[in-house]
Amino acid sequence: SYIVLHTEGFMSIYEKLQDGLNDGLAYGIETSKQFIKKAKETAAELEEAGLLKIEIHKLNNRKKDLINELGIKAYEAFIVNEKKSLTQSSAVKEIINEIIETDALIADKEQDLKQAE
């Protein structure tokens, strides 16, 4: 009977140990899932911010190109064609409007970037 009691005590300890290991394993798995979820969210945020930075950079380059184009039009009008004003030129108006639109897009993207970071 001592062996039976001793075996029952051992089984009780074994079961408690097994339950503890199972609980620990379940906790570890849940913690890993939460970590992976958070890592994915962080990666998505970084990706979004990176894409916005690229878009802002492209828009700034576009704005520089437009300003260069405007300078060329001004040079042609004043020096080559000896005009006294650029206001008559529809091409100049289009370039100026495009610069204004590009500025607005840059401002929007920069605001989106602030929210993403």
PDB file of N, CA and C in Angstrom:
ATOM      1  N   SER A   1       0.824  -1.188   0.000  1.00  0.00           N
ATOM      2  CA  SER A   1       0.000   0.000   0.000  1.00  0.00           C
ATOM      3  C   SER A   1       0.872   1.257   0.000  1.00  0.00           C
ATOM      4  N   TYR A   2       2.059   1.171   0.587  1.00  0.00           N
ATOM      5  CA  TYR A   2       2.973   2.306   0.584  1.00  0.00           C
ATOM      6  C   TYR A   2       3.392   2.641  -0.843  1.00  0.00           C
ATOM      7  N   ILE A   3       3.599   1.626  -1.644  1.00  0.00           N
ATOM      8  CA  ILE A   3       4.009   1.835  -3.035  1.00  0.00           C
ATOM      9  C   ILE A   3       2.887   2.488  -3.822  1.00  0.00           C
ATOM     10  N   VAL A   4       1.647   2.073  -3.551  1.00  0.00           N
ATOM     11  CA  VAL A   4       0.503   2.661  -4.246  1.00  0.00           C
ATOM     12  C   VAL A   4       0.376   4.131  -3.873  1.00  0.00           C
ATOM     13  N   LEU A   5       0.467   4.482  -2.570  1.00  0.00           N
ATOM     14  CA  LEU A   5       0.375   5.870  -2.130  1.00  0.00           C
ATOM     15  C   LEU A   5       1.528   6.683  -2.700  1.00  0.00           C
ATOM     16  N   HIS A   6       2.695   6.092  -2.660  1.00  0.00           N
ATOM     17  CA  HIS A   6       3.868   6.779  -3.172  1.00  0.00           C
ATOM     18  C   HIS A   6       3.722   7.032  -4.682  1.00  0.00           C
ATOM     19  N   THR A   7       3.195   6.076  -5.400  1.00  0.00           N
ATOM     20  CA  THR A   7       2.979   6.221  -6.835  1.00  0.00           C
ATOM     21  C   THR A   7       1.904   7.266  -7.099  1.00  0.00           C
ATOM     22  N   GLU A   8       0.833   7.278  -6.282  1.00  0.00           N
ATOM     23  CA  GLU A   8      -0.222   8.276  -6.449  1.00  0.00           C
ATOM     24  C   GLU A   8       0.333   9.679  -6.198  1.00  0.00           C
ATOM     25  N   GLY A   9       1.190   9.828  -5.218  1.00  0.00           N
ATOM     26  CA  GLY A   9       1.818  11.122  -4.937  1.00  0.00           C
ATOM     27  C   GLY A   9       2.703  11.562  -6.091  1.00  0.00           C
ATOM     28  N   PHE A  10       3.424  10.619  -6.629  1.00  0.00           N
ATOM     29  CA  PHE A  10       4.293  10.916  -7.778  1.00  0.00           C
ATOM     30  C   PHE A  10       3.456  11.346  -8.975  1.00  0.00           C
ATOM     31  N   MET A  11       2.333  10.651  -9.201  1.00  0.00           N
ATOM     32  CA  MET A  11       1.459  10.984 -10.323  1.00  0.00           C
ATOM     33  C   MET A  11       0.862  12.379 -10.135  1.00  0.00           C
ATOM     34  N   SER A  12       0.513  12.736  -8.915  1.00  0.00           N
ATOM     35  CA  SER A  12      -0.038  14.052  -8.637  1.00  0.00           C
ATOM     36  C   SER A  12       0.997  15.133  -8.941  1.00  0.00           C
ATOM     37  N   ILE A  13       2.233  14.920  -8.538  1.00  0.00           N
ATOM     38  CA  ILE A  13       3.309  15.875  -8.820  1.00  0.00           C
ATOM     39  C   ILE A  13       3.560  15.939 -10.326  1.00  0.00           C
ATOM     40  N   TYR A  14       3.587  14.785 -10.966  1.00  0.00           N
ATOM     41  CA  TYR A  14       3.802  14.727 -12.407  1.00  0.00           C
ATOM     42  C   TYR A  14       2.707  15.490 -13.145  1.00  0.00           C
ATOM     43  N   GLU A  15       1.435  15.297 -12.731  1.00  0.00           N
ATOM     44  CA  GLU A  15       0.319  15.982 -13.372  1.00  0.00           C
ATOM     45  C   GLU A  15       0.422  17.498 -13.180  1.00  0.00           C
ATOM     46  N   LYS A  16       0.808  17.909 -11.976  1.00  0.00           N
ATOM     47  CA  LYS A  16       0.969  19.342 -11.721  1.00  0.00           C
ATOM     48  C   LYS A  16       2.099  19.913 -12.575  1.00  0.00           C
ATOM     49  N   LEU A  17       3.175  19.172 -12.667  1.00  0.00           N
ATOM     50  CA  LEU A  17       4.299  19.599 -13.484  1.00  0.00           C
ATOM     51  C   LEU A  17       3.889  19.679 -14.954  1.00  0.00           C
ATOM     52  N   GLN A  18       3.167  18.673 -15.414  1.00  0.00           N
ATOM     53  CA  GLN A  18       2.685  18.644 -16.792  1.00  0.00           C
ATOM     54  C   GLN A  18       1.744  19.816 -17.060  1.00  0.00           C
ATOM     55  N   ASP A  19       0.837  20.095 -16.118  1.00  0.00           N
ATOM     56  CA  ASP A  19      -0.078  21.238 -16.271  1.00  0.00           C
ATOM     57  C   ASP A  19       0.698  22.548 -16.333  1.00  0.00           C
ATOM     58  N   GLY A  20       1.701  22.673 -15.478  1.00  0.00           N
ATOM     59  CA  GLY A  20       2.527  23.878 -15.473  1.00  0.00           C
ATOM     60  C   GLY A  20       3.263  24.052 -16.778  1.00  0.00           C
ATOM     61  N   LEU A  21       3.802  22.954 -17.300  1.00  0.00           N
ATOM     62  CA  LEU A  21       4.501  23.030 -18.585  1.00  0.00           C
ATOM     63  C   LEU A  21       3.547  23.398 -19.717  1.00  0.00           C
ATOM     64  N   ASN A  22       2.369  22.815 -19.691  1.00  0.00           N
ATOM     65  CA  ASN A  22       1.371  23.133 -20.716  1.00  0.00           C
ATOM     66  C   ASN A  22       0.963  24.609 -20.644  1.00  0.00           C
ATOM     67  N   ASP A  23       0.744  25.103 -19.408  1.00  0.00           N
ATOM     68  CA  ASP A  23       0.390  26.510 -19.239  1.00  0.00           C
ATOM     69  C   ASP A  23       1.523  27.403 -19.728  1.00  0.00           C
ATOM     70  N   GLY A  24       2.751  27.056 -19.394  1.00  0.00           N
ATOM     71  CA  GLY A  24       3.914  27.836 -19.830  1.00  0.00           C
ATOM     72  C   GLY A  24       4.057  27.829 -21.332  1.00  0.00           C
ATOM     73  N   LEU A  25       3.829  26.681 -21.929  1.00  0.00           N
ATOM     74  CA  LEU A  25       3.907  26.565 -23.379  1.00  0.00           C
ATOM     75  C   LEU A  25       2.820  27.410 -24.045  1.00  0.00           C
ATOM     76  N   ALA A  26       1.609  27.334 -23.510  1.00  0.00           N
ATOM     77  CA  ALA A  26       0.506  28.123 -24.054  1.00  0.00           C
ATOM     78  C   ALA A  26       0.804  29.619 -23.928  1.00  0.00           C
ATOM     79  N   TYR A  27       1.355  30.026 -22.794  1.00  0.00           N
ATOM     80  CA  TYR A  27       1.722  31.432 -22.586  1.00  0.00           C
ATOM     81  C   TYR A  27       2.806  31.842 -23.585  1.00  0.00           C
ATOM     82  N   GLY A  28       3.784  30.993 -23.772  1.00  0.00           N
ATOM     83  CA  GLY A  28       4.863  31.283 -24.717  1.00  0.00           C
ATOM     84  C   GLY A  28       4.356  31.423 -26.133  1.00  0.00           C
ATOM     85  N   ILE A  29       3.446  30.559 -26.523  1.00  0.00           N
ATOM     86  CA  ILE A  29       2.870  30.626 -27.869  1.00  0.00           C
ATOM     87  C   ILE A  29       2.074  31.911 -28.033  1.00  0.00           C
ATOM     88  N   GLU A  30       1.262  32.251 -27.038  1.00  0.00           N
ATOM     89  CA  GLU A  30       0.462  33.471 -27.104  1.00  0.00           C
ATOM     90  C   GLU A  30       1.365  34.707 -27.152  1.00  0.00           C
ATOM     91  N   THR A  31       2.409  34.716 -26.365  1.00  0.00           N
ATOM     92  CA  THR A  31       3.356  35.826 -26.367  1.00  0.00           C
ATOM     93  C   THR A  31       4.027  35.948 -27.731  1.00  0.00           C
ATOM     94  N   SER A  32       4.388  34.825 -28.316  1.00  0.00           N
ATOM     95  CA  SER A  32       5.006  34.833 -29.647  1.00  0.00           C
ATOM     96  C   SER A  32       4.039  35.372 -30.692  1.00  0.00           C
ATOM     97  N   LYS A  33       2.786  34.976 -30.607  1.00  0.00           N
ATOM     98  CA  LYS A  33       1.782  35.465 -31.551  1.00  0.00           C
ATOM     99  C   LYS A  33       1.630  36.977 -31.437  1.00  0.00           C
ATOM    100  N   GLN A  34       1.597  37.486 -30.200  1.00  0.00           N
ATOM    101  CA  GLN A  34       1.467  38.925 -29.988  1.00  0.00           C
ATOM    102  C   GLN A  34       2.691  39.665 -30.529  1.00  0.00           C
ATOM    103  N   PHE A  35       3.871  39.095 -30.299  1.00  0.00           N
ATOM    104  CA  PHE A  35       5.102  39.707 -30.792  1.00  0.00           C
ATOM    105  C   PHE A  35       5.099  39.754 -32.315  1.00  0.00           C
ATOM    106  N   ILE A  36       4.714  38.678 -32.949  1.00  0.00           N
ATOM    107  CA  ILE A  36       4.680  38.620 -34.415  1.00  0.00           C
ATOM    108  C   ILE A  36       3.661  39.617 -34.964  1.00  0.00           C
ATOM    109  N   LYS A  37       2.514  39.702 -34.317  1.00  0.00           N
ATOM    110  CA  LYS A  37       1.489  40.650 -34.747  1.00  0.00           C
ATOM    111  C   LYS A  37       2.018  42.078 -34.656  1.00  0.00           C
ATOM    112  N   LYS A  38       2.657  42.413 -33.542  1.00  0.00           N
ATOM    113  CA  LYS A  38       3.206  43.756 -33.349  1.00  0.00           C
ATOM    114  C   LYS A  38       4.315  44.038 -34.373  1.00  0.00           C
ATOM    115  N   ALA A  39       5.148  43.039 -34.641  1.00  0.00           N
ATOM    116  CA  ALA A  39       6.224  43.206 -35.619  1.00  0.00           C
ATOM    117  C   ALA A  39       5.649  43.470 -37.007  1.00  0.00           C
ATOM    118  N   LYS A  40       4.588  42.767 -37.366  1.00  0.00           N
ATOM    119  CA  LYS A  40       3.944  42.983 -38.665  1.00  0.00           C
ATOM    120  C   LYS A  40       3.368  44.391 -38.754  1.00  0.00           C
ATOM    121  N   GLU A  41       2.723  44.854 -37.668  1.00  0.00           N
ATOM    122  CA  GLU A  41       2.151  46.196 -37.652  1.00  0.00           C
ATOM    123  C   GLU A  41       3.251  47.248 -37.807  1.00  0.00           C
ATOM    124  N   THR A  42       4.346  47.048 -37.086  1.00  0.00           N
ATOM    125  CA  THR A  42       5.467  47.989 -37.163  1.00  0.00           C
ATOM    126  C   THR A  42       6.061  48.006 -38.564  1.00  0.00           C
ATOM    127  N   ALA A  43       6.216  46.834 -39.155  1.00  0.00           N
ATOM    128  CA  ALA A  43       6.757  46.749 -40.518  1.00  0.00           C
ATOM    129  C   ALA A  43       5.836  47.454 -41.506  1.00  0.00           C
ATOM    130  N   ALA A  44       4.533  47.287 -41.346  1.00  0.00           N
ATOM    131  CA  ALA A  44       3.577  47.949 -42.238  1.00  0.00           C
ATOM    132  C   ALA A  44       3.657  49.466 -42.090  1.00  0.00           C
ATOM    133  N   GLU A  45       3.798  49.942 -40.840  1.00  0.00           N
ATOM    134  CA  GLU A  45       3.917  51.380 -40.608  1.00  0.00           C
ATOM    135  C   GLU A  45       5.201  51.925 -41.240  1.00  0.00           C
ATOM    136  N   LEU A  46       6.294  51.194 -41.077  1.00  0.00           N
ATOM    137  CA  LEU A  46       7.555  51.621 -41.661  1.00  0.00           C
ATOM    138  C   LEU A  46       7.489  51.616 -43.181  1.00  0.00           C
ATOM    139  N   GLU A  47       6.827  50.608 -43.717  1.00  0.00           N
ATOM    140  CA  GLU A  47       6.685  50.527 -45.170  1.00  0.00           C
ATOM    141  C   GLU A  47       5.869  51.711 -45.689  1.00  0.00           C
ATOM    142  N   GLU A  48       4.765  52.021 -44.995  1.00  0.00           N
ATOM    143  CA  GLU A  48       3.930  53.148 -45.405  1.00  0.00           C
ATOM    144  C   GLU A  48       4.725  54.456 -45.339  1.00  0.00           C
ATOM    145  N   ALA A  49       5.461  54.657 -44.252  1.00  0.00           N
ATOM    146  CA  ALA A  49       6.261  55.871 -44.103  1.00  0.00           C
ATOM    147  C   ALA A  49       7.329  55.946 -45.197  1.00  0.00           C
ATOM    148  N   GLY A  50       7.949  54.820 -45.489  1.00  0.00           N
ATOM    149  CA  GLY A  50       8.970  54.784 -46.538  1.00  0.00           C
ATOM    150  C   GLY A  50       8.396  55.130 -47.898  1.00  0.00           C
ATOM    151  N   LEU A  51       7.238  54.593 -48.198  1.00  0.00           N
ATOM    152  CA  LEU A  51       6.594  54.895 -49.482  1.00  0.00           C
ATOM    153  C   LEU A  51       6.212  56.371 -49.575  1.00  0.00           C
ATOM    154  N   LEU A  52       5.731  56.925 -48.469  1.00  0.00           N
ATOM    155  CA  LEU A  52       5.378  58.347 -48.467  1.00  0.00           C
ATOM    156  C   LEU A  52       6.617  59.216 -48.683  1.00  0.00           C
ATOM    157  N   LYS A  53       7.729  58.843 -48.057  1.00  0.00           N
ATOM    158  CA  LYS A  53       8.973  59.602 -48.243  1.00  0.00           C
ATOM    159  C   LYS A  53       9.419  59.560 -49.704  1.00  0.00           C
ATOM    160  N   ILE A  54       9.275  58.409 -50.332  1.00  0.00           N
ATOM    161  CA  ILE A  54       9.634  58.281 -51.749  1.00  0.00           C
ATOM    162  C   ILE A  54       8.722  59.162 -52.604  1.00  0.00           C
ATOM    163  N   GLU A  55       7.418  59.145 -52.311  1.00  0.00           N
ATOM    164  CA  GLU A  55       6.477  59.972 -53.073  1.00  0.00           C
ATOM    165  C   GLU A  55       6.796  61.455 -52.900  1.00  0.00           C
ATOM    166  N   ILE A  56       7.115  61.869 -51.675  1.00  0.00           N
ATOM    167  CA  ILE A  56       7.459  63.272 -51.416  1.00  0.00           C
ATOM    168  C   ILE A  56       8.718  63.649 -52.192  1.00  0.00           C
ATOM    169  N   HIS A  57       9.691  62.767 -52.188  1.00  0.00           N
ATOM    170  CA  HIS A  57      10.933  63.017 -52.919  1.00  0.00           C
ATOM    171  C   HIS A  57      10.651  63.179 -54.420  1.00  0.00           C
ATOM    172  N   LYS A  58       9.838  62.314 -54.972  1.00  0.00           N
ATOM    173  CA  LYS A  58       9.490  62.399 -56.397  1.00  0.00           C
ATOM    174  C   LYS A  58       8.752  63.704 -56.706  1.00  0.00           C
ATOM    175  N   LEU A  59       7.837  64.077 -55.808  1.00  0.00           N
ATOM    176  CA  LEU A  59       7.095  65.325 -56.023  1.00  0.00           C
ATOM    177  C   LEU A  59       8.020  66.542 -55.948  1.00  0.00           C
ATOM    178  N   ASN A  60       8.958  66.512 -55.010  1.00  0.00           N
ATOM    179  CA  ASN A  60       9.928  67.617 -54.926  1.00  0.00           C
ATOM    180  C   ASN A  60      10.786  67.699 -56.187  1.00  0.00           C
ATOM    181  N   ASN A  61      11.180  66.547 -56.707  1.00  0.00           N
ATOM    182  CA  ASN A  61      11.940  66.536 -57.970  1.00  0.00           C
ATOM    183  C   ASN A  61      11.097  67.082 -59.116  1.00  0.00           C
ATOM    184  N   ARG A  62       9.833  66.704 -59.134  1.00  0.00           N
ATOM    185  CA  ARG A  62       8.922  67.202 -60.173  1.00  0.00           C
ATOM    186  C   ARG A  62       8.802  68.723 -60.072  1.00  0.00           C
ATOM    187  N   LYS A  63       8.685  69.240 -58.839  1.00  0.00           N
ATOM    188  CA  LYS A  63       8.579  70.679 -58.635  1.00  0.00           C
ATOM    189  C   LYS A  63       9.843  71.390 -59.147  1.00  0.00           C
ATOM    190  N   LYS A  64      11.002  70.820 -58.861  1.00  0.00           N
ATOM    191  CA  LYS A  64      12.266  71.403 -59.353  1.00  0.00           C
ATOM    192  C   LYS A  64      12.287  71.437 -60.877  1.00  0.00           C
ATOM    193  N   ASP A  65      11.830  70.346 -61.487  1.00  0.00           N
ATOM    194  CA  ASP A  65      11.777  70.299 -62.957  1.00  0.00           C
ATOM    195  C   ASP A  65      10.836  71.379 -63.506  1.00  0.00           C
ATOM    196  N   LEU A  66       9.704  71.560 -62.850  1.00  0.00           N
ATOM    197  CA  LEU A  66       8.750  72.580 -63.290  1.00  0.00           C
ATOM    198  C   LEU A  66       9.336  73.983 -63.148  1.00  0.00           C
ATOM    199  N   ILE A  67      10.031  74.216 -62.048  1.00  0.00           N
ATOM    200  CA  ILE A  67      10.652  75.528 -61.839  1.00  0.00           C
ATOM    201  C   ILE A  67      11.727  75.769 -62.901  1.00  0.00           C
ATOM    202  N   ASN A  68      12.501  74.738 -63.231  1.00  0.00           N
ATOM    203  CA  ASN A  68      13.493  74.863 -64.310  1.00  0.00           C
ATOM    204  C   ASN A  68      12.811  75.179 -65.640  1.00  0.00           C
ATOM    205  N   GLU A  69      11.713  74.476 -65.889  1.00  0.00           N
ATOM    206  CA  GLU A  69      10.968  74.709 -67.131  1.00  0.00           C
ATOM    207  C   GLU A  69      10.424  76.145 -67.175  1.00  0.00           C
ATOM    208  N   LEU A  70       9.962  76.632 -66.033  1.00  0.00           N
ATOM    209  CA  LEU A  70       9.472  78.004 -65.944  1.00  0.00           C
ATOM    210  C   LEU A  70      10.602  78.998 -66.228  1.00  0.00           C
ATOM    211  N   GLY A  71      11.772  78.695 -65.695  1.00  0.00           N
ATOM    212  CA  GLY A  71      12.938  79.551 -65.954  1.00  0.00           C
ATOM    213  C   GLY A  71      13.301  79.589 -67.426  1.00  0.00           C
ATOM    214  N   ILE A  72      13.213  78.448 -68.073  1.00  0.00           N
ATOM    215  CA  ILE A  72      13.499  78.392 -69.517  1.00  0.00           C
ATOM    216  C   ILE A  72      12.482  79.231 -70.285  1.00  0.00           C
ATOM    217  N   LYS A  73      11.206  79.104 -69.920  1.00  0.00           N
ATOM    218  CA  LYS A  73      10.152  79.891 -70.592  1.00  0.00           C
ATOM    219  C   LYS A  73      10.383  81.382 -70.376  1.00  0.00           C
ATOM    220  N   ALA A  74      10.772  81.752 -69.149  1.00  0.00           N
ATOM    221  CA  ALA A  74      11.034  83.167 -68.864  1.00  0.00           C
ATOM    222  C   ALA A  74      12.223  83.665 -69.692  1.00  0.00           C
ATOM    223  N   TYR A  75      13.274  82.880 -69.758  1.00  0.00           N
ATOM    224  CA  TYR A  75      14.459  83.255 -70.544  1.00  0.00           C
ATOM    225  C   TYR A  75      14.078  83.440 -72.020  1.00  0.00           C
ATOM    226  N   GLU A  76      13.339  82.473 -72.531  1.00  0.00           N
ATOM    227  CA  GLU A  76      12.931  82.563 -73.941  1.00  0.00           C
ATOM    228  C   GLU A  76      12.089  83.810 -74.196  1.00  0.00           C
ATOM    229  N   ALA A  77      11.169  84.082 -73.264  1.00  0.00           N
ATOM    230  CA  ALA A  77      10.280  85.232 -73.455  1.00  0.00           C
ATOM    231  C   ALA A  77      11.047  86.545 -73.365  1.00  0.00           C
ATOM    232  N   PHE A  78      11.843  86.697 -72.334  1.00  0.00           N
ATOM    233  CA  PHE A  78      12.519  87.978 -72.112  1.00  0.00           C
ATOM    234  C   PHE A  78      13.736  88.185 -73.003  1.00  0.00           C
ATOM    235  N   ILE A  79      14.547  87.186 -73.158  1.00  0.00           N
ATOM    236  CA  ILE A  79      15.807  87.351 -73.882  1.00  0.00           C
ATOM    237  C   ILE A  79      15.649  87.035 -75.365  1.00  0.00           C
ATOM    238  N   VAL A  80      15.111  85.877 -75.655  1.00  0.00           N
ATOM    239  CA  VAL A  80      15.026  85.449 -77.050  1.00  0.00           C
ATOM    240  C   VAL A  80      13.952  86.240 -77.802  1.00  0.00           C
ATOM    241  N   ASN A  81      12.767  86.340 -77.205  1.00  0.00           N
ATOM    242  CA  ASN A  81      11.650  86.992 -77.901  1.00  0.00           C
ATOM    243  C   ASN A  81      11.450  88.452 -77.488  1.00  0.00           C
ATOM    244  N   GLU A  82      12.251  88.947 -76.586  1.00  0.00           N
ATOM    245  CA  GLU A  82      12.227  90.332 -76.122  1.00  0.00           C
ATOM    246  C   GLU A  82      10.851  90.806 -75.663  1.00  0.00           C
ATOM    247  N   LYS A  83      10.137  89.909 -74.959  1.00  0.00           N
ATOM    248  CA  LYS A  83       8.835  90.301 -74.399  1.00  0.00           C
ATOM    249  C   LYS A  83       9.063  91.041 -73.086  1.00  0.00           C
ATOM    250  N   LYS A  84       8.047  91.795 -72.679  1.00  0.00           N
ATOM    251  CA  LYS A  84       8.134  92.540 -71.433  1.00  0.00           C
ATOM    252  C   LYS A  84       7.331  91.862 -70.318  1.00  0.00           C
ATOM    253  N   SER A  85       6.552  90.828 -70.660  1.00  0.00           N
ATOM    254  CA  SER A  85       5.689  90.187 -69.663  1.00  0.00           C
ATOM    255  C   SER A  85       5.501  88.707 -70.012  1.00  0.00           C
ATOM    256  N   LEU A  86       5.261  87.926 -68.989  1.00  0.00           N
ATOM    257  CA  LEU A  86       4.976  86.496 -69.190  1.00  0.00           C
ATOM    258  C   LEU A  86       3.498  86.181 -68.999  1.00  0.00           C
ATOM    259  N   THR A  87       2.733  87.120 -68.547  1.00  0.00           N
ATOM    260  CA  THR A  87       1.334  86.845 -68.197  1.00  0.00           C
ATOM    261  C   THR A  87       0.491  86.414 -69.389  1.00  0.00           C
ATOM    262  N   GLN A  88       0.904  86.771 -70.597  1.00  0.00           N
ATOM    263  CA  GLN A  88       0.151  86.402 -71.787  1.00  0.00           C
ATOM    264  C   GLN A  88       0.331  84.927 -72.167  1.00  0.00           C
ATOM    265  N   SER A  89       1.370  84.299 -71.653  1.00  0.00           N
ATOM    266  CA  SER A  89       1.714  82.950 -72.070  1.00  0.00           C
ATOM    267  C   SER A  89       0.885  81.900 -71.328  1.00  0.00           C
ATOM    268  N   SER A  90       0.143  81.098 -72.090  1.00  0.00           N
ATOM    269  CA  SER A  90      -0.638  80.027 -71.466  1.00  0.00           C
ATOM    270  C   SER A  90       0.268  78.908 -70.953  1.00  0.00           C
ATOM    271  N   ALA A  91       1.403  78.705 -71.610  1.00  0.00           N
ATOM    272  CA  ALA A  91       2.351  77.674 -71.166  1.00  0.00           C
ATOM    273  C   ALA A  91       2.895  78.020 -69.788  1.00  0.00           C
ATOM    274  N   VAL A  92       3.191  79.294 -69.555  1.00  0.00           N
ATOM    275  CA  VAL A  92       3.702  79.738 -68.261  1.00  0.00           C
ATOM    276  C   VAL A  92       2.624  79.569 -67.192  1.00  0.00           C
ATOM    277  N   LYS A  93       1.402  79.930 -67.520  1.00  0.00           N
ATOM    278  CA  LYS A  93       0.283  79.769 -66.580  1.00  0.00           C
ATOM    279  C   LYS A  93       0.106  78.291 -66.207  1.00  0.00           C
ATOM    280  N   GLU A  94       0.214  77.417 -67.184  1.00  0.00           N
ATOM    281  CA  GLU A  94       0.081  75.978 -66.933  1.00  0.00           C
ATOM    282  C   GLU A  94       1.184  75.477 -65.991  1.00  0.00           C
ATOM    283  N   ILE A  95       2.399  75.940 -66.234  1.00  0.00           N
ATOM    284  CA  ILE A  95       3.528  75.516 -65.392  1.00  0.00           C
ATOM    285  C   ILE A  95       3.320  76.016 -63.957  1.00  0.00           C
ATOM    286  N   ILE A  96       2.916  77.287 -63.828  1.00  0.00           N
ATOM    287  CA  ILE A  96       2.685  77.841 -62.489  1.00  0.00           C
ATOM    288  C   ILE A  96       1.581  77.073 -61.769  1.00  0.00           C
ATOM    289  N   ASN A  97       0.501  76.767 -62.482  1.00  0.00           N
ATOM    290  CA  ASN A  97      -0.592  75.992 -61.880  1.00  0.00           C
ATOM    291  C   ASN A  97      -0.123  74.599 -61.455  1.00  0.00           C
ATOM    292  N   GLU A  98       0.715  74.000 -62.267  1.00  0.00           N
ATOM    293  CA  GLU A  98       1.241  72.672 -61.936  1.00  0.00           C
ATOM    294  C   GLU A  98       2.169  72.741 -60.712  1.00  0.00           C
ATOM    295  N   ILE A  99       2.935  73.816 -60.587  1.00  0.00           N
ATOM    296  CA  ILE A  99       3.783  73.991 -59.407  1.00  0.00           C
ATOM    297  C   ILE A  99       2.903  74.121 -58.154  1.00  0.00           C
ATOM    298  N   ILE A 100       1.849  74.897 -58.258  1.00  0.00           N
ATOM    299  CA  ILE A 100       0.923  75.079 -57.127  1.00  0.00           C
ATOM    300  C   ILE A 100       0.283  73.745 -56.738  1.00  0.00           C
ATOM    301  N   GLU A 101      -0.161  72.984 -57.732  1.00  0.00           N
ATOM    302  CA  GLU A 101      -0.753  71.665 -57.468  1.00  0.00           C
ATOM    303  C   GLU A 101       0.259  70.722 -56.833  1.00  0.00           C
ATOM    304  N   THR A 102       1.481  70.766 -57.311  1.00  0.00           N
ATOM    305  CA  THR A 102       2.539  69.911 -56.763  1.00  0.00           C
ATOM    306  C   THR A 102       2.830  70.286 -55.319  1.00  0.00           C
ATOM    307  N   ASP A 103       2.866  71.579 -55.024  1.00  0.00           N
ATOM    308  CA  ASP A 103       3.048  72.031 -53.641  1.00  0.00           C
ATOM    309  C   ASP A 103       1.948  71.485 -52.731  1.00  0.00           C
ATOM    310  N   ALA A 104       0.722  71.504 -53.216  1.00  0.00           N
ATOM    311  CA  ALA A 104      -0.407  70.994 -52.431  1.00  0.00           C
ATOM    312  C   ALA A 104      -0.262  69.490 -52.190  1.00  0.00           C
ATOM    313  N   LEU A 105       0.142  68.759 -53.214  1.00  0.00           N
ATOM    314  CA  LEU A 105       0.351  67.312 -53.065  1.00  0.00           C
ATOM    315  C   LEU A 105       1.467  67.022 -52.058  1.00  0.00           C
ATOM    316  N   ILE A 106       2.535  67.803 -52.129  1.00  0.00           N
ATOM    317  CA  ILE A 106       3.647  67.623 -51.183  1.00  0.00           C
ATOM    318  C   ILE A 106       3.152  67.860 -49.754  1.00  0.00           C
ATOM    319  N   ALA A 107       2.381  68.915 -49.556  1.00  0.00           N
ATOM    320  CA  ALA A 107       1.846  69.216 -48.222  1.00  0.00           C
ATOM    321  C   ALA A 107       0.959  68.078 -47.717  1.00  0.00           C
ATOM    322  N   ASP A 108       0.123  67.523 -48.589  1.00  0.00           N
ATOM    323  CA  ASP A 108      -0.749  66.405 -48.213  1.00  0.00           C
ATOM    324  C   ASP A 108       0.076  65.173 -47.811  1.00  0.00           C
ATOM    325  N   LYS A 109       1.076  64.863 -48.618  1.00  0.00           N
ATOM    326  CA  LYS A 109       1.916  63.685 -48.341  1.00  0.00           C
ATOM    327  C   LYS A 109       2.710  63.880 -47.048  1.00  0.00           C
ATOM    328  N   GLU A 110       3.188  65.104 -46.813  1.00  0.00           N
ATOM    329  CA  GLU A 110       3.927  65.366 -45.579  1.00  0.00           C
ATOM    330  C   GLU A 110       3.024  65.218 -44.364  1.00  0.00           C
ATOM    331  N   GLN A 111       1.766  65.634 -44.492  1.00  0.00           N
ATOM    332  CA  GLN A 111       0.803  65.452 -43.400  1.00  0.00           C
ATOM    333  C   GLN A 111       0.537  63.970 -43.174  1.00  0.00           C
ATOM    334  N   ASP A 112       0.373  63.215 -44.246  1.00  0.00           N
ATOM    335  CA  ASP A 112       0.189  61.759 -44.131  1.00  0.00           C
ATOM    336  C   ASP A 112       1.399  61.113 -43.457  1.00  0.00           C
ATOM    337  N   LEU A 113       2.591  61.592 -43.796  1.00  0.00           N
ATOM    338  CA  LEU A 113       3.812  61.049 -43.211  1.00  0.00           C
ATOM    339  C   LEU A 113       3.863  61.314 -41.707  1.00  0.00           C
ATOM    340  N   LYS A 114       3.475  62.510 -41.287  1.00  0.00           N
ATOM    341  CA  LYS A 114       3.450  62.827 -39.852  1.00  0.00           C
ATOM    342  C   LYS A 114       2.508  61.884 -39.110  1.00  0.00           C
ATOM    343  N   GLN A 115       1.384  61.585 -39.729  1.00  0.00           N
ATOM    344  CA  GLN A 115       0.424  60.679 -39.102  1.00  0.00           C
ATOM    345  C   GLN A 115       0.920  59.240 -39.092  1.00  0.00           C
ATOM    346  N   ALA A 116       1.691  58.866 -40.097  1.00  0.00           N
ATOM    347  CA  ALA A 116       2.202  57.494 -40.197  1.00  0.00           C
ATOM    348  C   ALA A 116       3.344  57.243 -39.223  1.00  0.00           C
ATOM    349  N   GLU A 117       4.084  58.290 -38.869  1.00  0.00           N
ATOM    350  CA  GLU A 117       5.234  58.118 -37.983  1.00  0.00           C
ATOM    351  C   GLU A 117       4.866  58.199 -36.557  1.00  0.00           C
TER     352      GLU A 117
END
